[in-house]
């Protein structure tokens, strides 16, 4: 998560955006590689094993979130106990996945950017007009193509990779990139997204993770400690904890020092 990585991501974003903006037919040509004109379908979409792989990819991504979610819930129930997971890791992982795979993707672009998916455009036996990635005026009304939510979720595995031990970090980054590319390739093969949808998903997710890591771990003015997160969660959840104790007729004991 250094500056070189950020500059490379932004450069790729610029090149892809300009090239596919000037020549939007490239998106159609790439999508056509997975389309069968004889059956007028995207054949892999009907493959059971490919469907299982798609579902598994989603669960793999969320498996990396689960420890942080469990630790947070346990802390809410028992704020008198220390966090089971690093406080900064909880904030970093949850905030980045919510931002990249939730708010920016599904609640923002996919809801208001009316780009139709490949499977429904006229070039692939659909009934909607193809539009370039930069044009939000497509016929899609909801859950649209730009940009890929599953692609963003898959590439989000770069976040836990950033927290791997330094010796393992390059391998973790490589695994996350391969996982993101494979998942994105499946989405294209199913006719669910164009290349620019999955490329944007990966690049947006990387930028969100880069800035999240910098804010929490690197920049002196904004970074904080695991202890600070633990203490804040204790203060936030202690009143409800003490109330529960009183309702069940148990003594709370002295409040822990913070």
Protein backbone atom coordinates (compact mmCIF):
# COMPACT_ATOMS: atom_id res chain seq x y z
CA UNK A 1 0.00 0.00 0.00
CA UNK A 2 2.69 2.50 -1.02
CA UNK A 3 2.48 5.50 -3.31
CA UNK A 4 3.78 3.53 -6.29
CA UNK A 5 0.77 1.21 -6.08
CA UNK A 6 -1.59 4.18 -5.94
CA UNK A 7 0.02 5.86 -8.96
CA UNK A 8 -0.16 2.62 -10.95
CA UNK A 9 -3.84 2.18 -10.10
CA UNK A 10 -4.68 5.76 -11.04
CA UNK A 11 -2.71 5.46 -14.29
CA UNK A 12 -4.57 2.25 -15.20
CA UNK A 13 -7.85 3.94 -14.36
CA UNK A 14 -7.01 6.85 -16.66
CA UNK A 15 -5.87 4.64 -19.55
CA UNK A 16 -8.85 2.27 -19.34
CA UNK A 17 -11.29 5.13 -18.96
CA UNK A 18 -9.94 7.04 -21.96
CA UNK A 19 -9.49 4.04 -24.27
CA UNK A 20 -12.89 2.51 -23.56
CA UNK A 21 -14.47 5.96 -23.57
CA UNK A 22 -13.20 6.67 -27.06
CA UNK A 23 -13.78 3.12 -28.29
CA UNK A 24 -16.73 1.73 -26.30
CA UNK A 25 -17.14 -1.08 -28.83
CA UNK A 26 -14.15 -2.74 -27.14
CA UNK A 27 -16.46 -3.63 -24.27
CA UNK A 28 -18.78 -5.38 -26.72
CA UNK A 29 -15.93 -7.24 -28.39
CA UNK A 30 -14.65 -8.56 -25.07
CA UNK A 31 -18.13 -9.57 -23.97
CA UNK A 32 -18.67 -11.32 -27.32
CA UNK A 33 -15.85 -13.74 -26.48
CA UNK A 34 -18.19 -15.39 -23.96
CA UNK A 35 -21.37 -15.25 -26.08
CA UNK A 36 -22.66 -18.08 -28.27
CA UNK A 37 -24.54 -16.65 -31.30
CA UNK A 38 -26.04 -20.05 -32.12
CA UNK A 39 -27.86 -20.39 -28.81
CA UNK A 40 -27.97 -16.63 -28.16
CA UNK A 41 -26.76 -17.17 -24.62
CA UNK A 42 -23.71 -16.86 -22.42
CA UNK A 43 -23.15 -20.64 -22.02
CA UNK A 44 -21.11 -20.50 -18.83
CA UNK A 45 -24.07 -18.91 -17.08
CA UNK A 46 -25.85 -22.27 -17.36
CA UNK A 47 -22.91 -24.27 -16.01
CA UNK A 48 -23.58 -25.57 -12.48
CA UNK A 49 -19.92 -25.69 -11.48
CA UNK A 50 -19.38 -22.11 -12.62
CA UNK A 51 -22.38 -21.07 -10.54
CA UNK A 52 -20.95 -22.83 -7.49
CA UNK A 53 -17.61 -21.08 -8.05
CA UNK A 54 -19.38 -17.73 -8.22
CA UNK A 55 -21.23 -18.33 -4.94
CA UNK A 56 -18.08 -19.63 -3.28
CA UNK A 57 -16.17 -16.49 -4.28
CA UNK A 58 -18.66 -14.31 -2.42
CA UNK A 59 -18.37 -16.45 0.71
CA UNK A 60 -14.58 -16.44 0.55
CA UNK A 61 -14.56 -12.65 0.64
CA UNK A 62 -17.00 -12.43 3.54
CA UNK A 63 -15.05 -15.10 5.44
CA UNK A 64 -12.30 -12.52 5.86
CA UNK A 65 -14.84 -10.11 7.38
CA UNK A 66 -16.37 -12.62 9.78
CA UNK A 67 -13.71 -12.53 12.55
CA UNK A 68 -14.01 -8.74 12.78
CA UNK A 69 -17.81 -8.92 12.89
CA UNK A 70 -17.74 -11.57 15.61
CA UNK A 71 -15.21 -9.60 17.65
CA UNK A 72 -17.35 -6.47 17.34
CA UNK A 73 -20.53 -8.27 18.42
CA UNK A 74 -18.77 -9.89 21.37
CA UNK A 75 -17.43 -6.49 22.42
CA UNK A 76 -20.94 -5.02 22.24
CA UNK A 77 -22.22 -7.80 24.50
CA UNK A 78 -19.23 -7.82 26.86
CA UNK A 79 -17.57 -4.40 26.73
CA UNK A 80 -15.69 -5.24 29.94
CA UNK A 81 -13.52 -7.66 27.98
CA UNK A 82 -10.75 -6.70 25.53
CA UNK A 83 -11.31 -7.04 21.81
CA UNK A 84 -10.61 -10.46 20.35
CA UNK A 85 -9.22 -8.90 17.16
CA UNK A 86 -7.03 -5.84 16.58
CA UNK A 87 -9.17 -2.73 16.90
CA UNK A 88 -7.63 -1.04 13.90
CA UNK A 89 -8.10 -4.17 11.80
CA UNK A 90 -11.80 -4.19 12.66
CA UNK A 91 -12.21 -0.56 11.60
CA UNK A 92 -10.07 -0.97 8.49
CA UNK A 93 -11.75 -4.13 7.20
CA UNK A 94 -15.34 -3.15 7.96
CA UNK A 95 -15.09 0.42 6.70
CA UNK A 96 -13.36 -0.52 3.45
CA UNK A 97 -15.76 -3.31 2.52
CA UNK A 98 -18.79 -1.18 3.39
CA UNK A 99 -17.46 1.68 1.30
CA UNK A 100 -16.26 -0.29 -1.74
CA UNK A 101 -18.70 -3.19 -1.99
CA UNK A 102 -21.65 -1.44 -0.37
CA UNK A 103 -22.00 2.32 -0.52
CA UNK A 104 -20.04 3.19 -3.65
CA UNK A 105 -21.20 0.17 -5.63
CA UNK A 106 -24.70 -0.95 -4.73
CA UNK A 107 -26.09 2.16 -3.04
CA UNK A 108 -24.61 4.70 -5.45
CA UNK A 109 -23.54 3.73 -8.94
CA UNK A 110 -25.56 0.55 -9.49
CA UNK A 111 -28.70 2.33 -8.32
CA UNK A 112 -28.33 5.51 -10.38
CA UNK A 113 -26.04 4.61 -13.30
CA UNK A 114 -28.41 3.05 -15.83
CA UNK A 115 -25.94 1.00 -17.83
CA UNK A 116 -27.53 -2.29 -18.96
CA UNK A 117 -25.74 -5.58 -18.40
CA UNK A 118 -24.33 -7.44 -21.43
CA UNK A 119 -26.96 -10.15 -21.18
CA UNK A 120 -29.79 -7.66 -21.86
CA UNK A 121 -28.32 -5.51 -24.66
CA UNK A 122 -29.45 -5.92 -28.26
CA UNK A 123 -26.01 -7.09 -29.42
CA UNK A 124 -26.50 -10.20 -27.28
CA UNK A 125 -30.16 -10.91 -28.01
CA UNK A 126 -31.49 -8.53 -25.39
CA UNK A 127 -33.86 -5.59 -25.70
CA UNK A 128 -31.85 -2.68 -24.26
CA UNK A 129 -29.36 -0.37 -25.94
CA UNK A 130 -25.68 -0.64 -25.10
CA UNK A 131 -24.07 2.47 -23.58
CA UNK A 132 -20.44 3.29 -22.82
CA UNK A 133 -19.16 3.12 -19.26
CA UNK A 134 -19.29 6.90 -18.81
CA UNK A 135 -22.94 7.25 -19.87
CA UNK A 136 -25.49 6.91 -17.01
CA UNK A 137 -28.48 7.29 -19.34
CA UNK A 138 -29.04 3.61 -20.10
CA UNK A 139 -32.36 1.78 -19.95
CA UNK A 140 -31.54 -0.18 -16.80
CA UNK A 141 -33.72 0.88 -13.86
CA UNK A 142 -32.13 -0.94 -10.92
CA UNK A 143 -29.22 -3.24 -10.05
CA UNK A 144 -27.41 -2.10 -13.17
CA UNK A 145 -24.08 -3.05 -14.68
CA UNK A 146 -21.75 -0.22 -13.67
CA UNK A 147 -19.81 -1.03 -11.67
CA UNK A 148 -19.52 -4.65 -10.47
CA UNK A 149 -20.45 -5.32 -6.85
CA UNK A 150 -19.09 -8.86 -6.88
CA UNK A 151 -15.91 -7.64 -8.52
CA UNK A 152 -15.48 -5.03 -5.79
CA UNK A 153 -16.11 -7.64 -3.10
CA UNK A 154 -13.52 -9.99 -4.62
CA UNK A 155 -10.86 -7.31 -5.04
CA UNK A 156 -11.57 -6.17 -1.47
CA UNK A 157 -9.48 -9.16 -0.33
CA UNK A 158 -6.57 -6.79 -0.93
CA UNK A 159 -7.53 -5.29 2.45
CA UNK A 160 -6.80 -8.37 4.58
CA UNK A 161 -3.77 -8.97 2.37
CA UNK A 162 -2.46 -5.56 3.46
CA UNK A 163 -2.55 -6.77 7.07
CA UNK A 164 -0.59 -9.96 6.41
CA UNK A 165 2.90 -10.27 7.96
CA UNK A 166 5.47 -8.43 5.81
CA UNK A 167 7.14 -11.64 4.67
CA UNK A 168 3.83 -13.01 3.40
CA UNK A 169 2.37 -9.76 2.11
CA UNK A 170 3.54 -9.99 -1.55
CA UNK A 171 2.06 -13.49 -1.80
CA UNK A 172 -1.16 -12.29 -0.15
CA UNK A 173 -1.42 -9.40 -2.60
CA UNK A 174 -0.86 -11.75 -5.54
CA UNK A 175 -3.52 -14.13 -4.27
CA UNK A 176 -6.01 -11.30 -3.82
CA UNK A 177 -5.38 -9.98 -7.33
CA UNK A 178 -5.76 -13.45 -8.88
CA UNK A 179 -8.94 -13.99 -6.88
CA UNK A 180 -10.34 -10.65 -8.02
CA UNK A 181 -9.45 -11.29 -11.66
CA UNK A 182 -10.94 -14.79 -11.60
CA UNK A 183 -14.18 -13.64 -10.01
CA UNK A 184 -14.42 -10.72 -12.43
CA UNK A 185 -13.77 -13.04 -15.35
CA UNK A 186 -16.66 -15.22 -14.24
CA UNK A 187 -18.96 -12.20 -14.09
CA UNK A 188 -18.00 -11.32 -17.66
CA UNK A 189 -18.44 -14.94 -18.79
CA UNK A 190 -21.94 -15.00 -17.29
CA UNK A 191 -22.89 -11.86 -19.22
CA UNK A 192 -23.30 -10.00 -15.97
CA UNK A 193 -20.72 -7.26 -16.56
CA UNK A 194 -18.58 -5.60 -19.18
CA UNK A 195 -14.81 -5.32 -18.81
CA UNK A 196 -15.01 -1.69 -17.72
CA UNK A 197 -17.47 -2.66 -14.96
CA UNK A 198 -15.08 -5.12 -13.34
CA UNK A 199 -11.96 -3.03 -14.03
CA UNK A 200 -13.55 -0.02 -12.36
CA UNK A 201 -14.63 -2.20 -9.44
CA UNK A 202 -11.08 -3.36 -8.86
CA UNK A 203 -9.50 0.07 -9.19
CA UNK A 204 -12.08 1.87 -7.05
CA UNK A 205 -11.74 -0.79 -4.37
CA UNK A 206 -7.96 -0.50 -4.40
CA UNK A 207 -8.11 3.28 -4.00
CA UNK A 208 -10.57 2.97 -1.09
CA UNK A 209 -8.30 0.43 0.60
CA UNK A 210 -5.20 2.54 -0.04
CA UNK A 211 -6.67 5.62 1.60
CA UNK A 212 -8.23 3.59 4.41
CA UNK A 213 -4.84 2.04 5.20
CA UNK A 214 -3.12 5.42 5.05
CA UNK A 215 -5.66 7.08 7.34
CA UNK A 216 -5.63 4.32 9.95
CA UNK A 217 -2.04 3.06 9.88
CA UNK A 218 0.30 5.46 8.07
CA UNK A 219 -0.53 9.17 8.32
CA UNK A 220 0.50 10.59 11.75
CA UNK A 221 -2.38 13.06 11.94
CA UNK A 222 -5.10 10.46 11.49
CA UNK A 223 -3.70 7.13 12.62
CA UNK A 224 -4.77 5.69 15.96
CA UNK A 225 -4.05 2.68 18.16
CA UNK A 226 -5.80 -0.60 18.84
CA UNK A 227 -6.18 0.50 22.44
CA UNK A 228 -8.03 3.64 21.39
CA UNK A 229 -10.57 1.58 19.43
CA UNK A 230 -11.02 -0.81 22.34
CA UNK A 231 -11.54 2.07 24.77
CA UNK A 232 -14.05 3.80 22.50
CA UNK A 233 -16.10 0.64 22.10
CA UNK A 234 -16.02 0.08 25.85
CA UNK A 235 -17.36 3.58 26.51
CA UNK A 236 -20.02 3.19 23.84
CA UNK A 237 -21.35 -0.18 24.99
CA UNK A 238 -20.83 -0.06 28.76
CA UNK A 239 -24.13 1.76 29.59
CA UNK A 240 -26.21 -0.90 27.82
CA UNK A 241 -24.13 -3.64 29.45
CA UNK A 242 -24.65 -2.25 32.93
CA UNK A 243 -28.37 -1.83 32.24
CA UNK A 244 -28.63 -5.48 31.22
CA UNK A 245 -26.86 -6.48 34.38
CA UNK A 246 -29.31 -4.48 36.51
CA UNK A 247 -32.31 -5.92 34.68
CA UNK A 248 -31.08 -9.43 35.37
CA UNK A 249 -30.34 -8.58 38.99
CA UNK A 250 -26.57 -8.81 38.87
CA UNK A 251 -23.99 -6.36 40.10
CA UNK A 252 -21.91 -4.70 37.47
CA UNK A 253 -18.89 -4.07 39.66
CA UNK A 254 -16.63 -1.07 39.13
CA UNK A 255 -16.41 0.28 35.64
CA UNK A 256 -13.08 -0.54 33.99
CA UNK A 257 -10.56 2.26 33.82
CA UNK A 258 -10.19 3.78 30.37
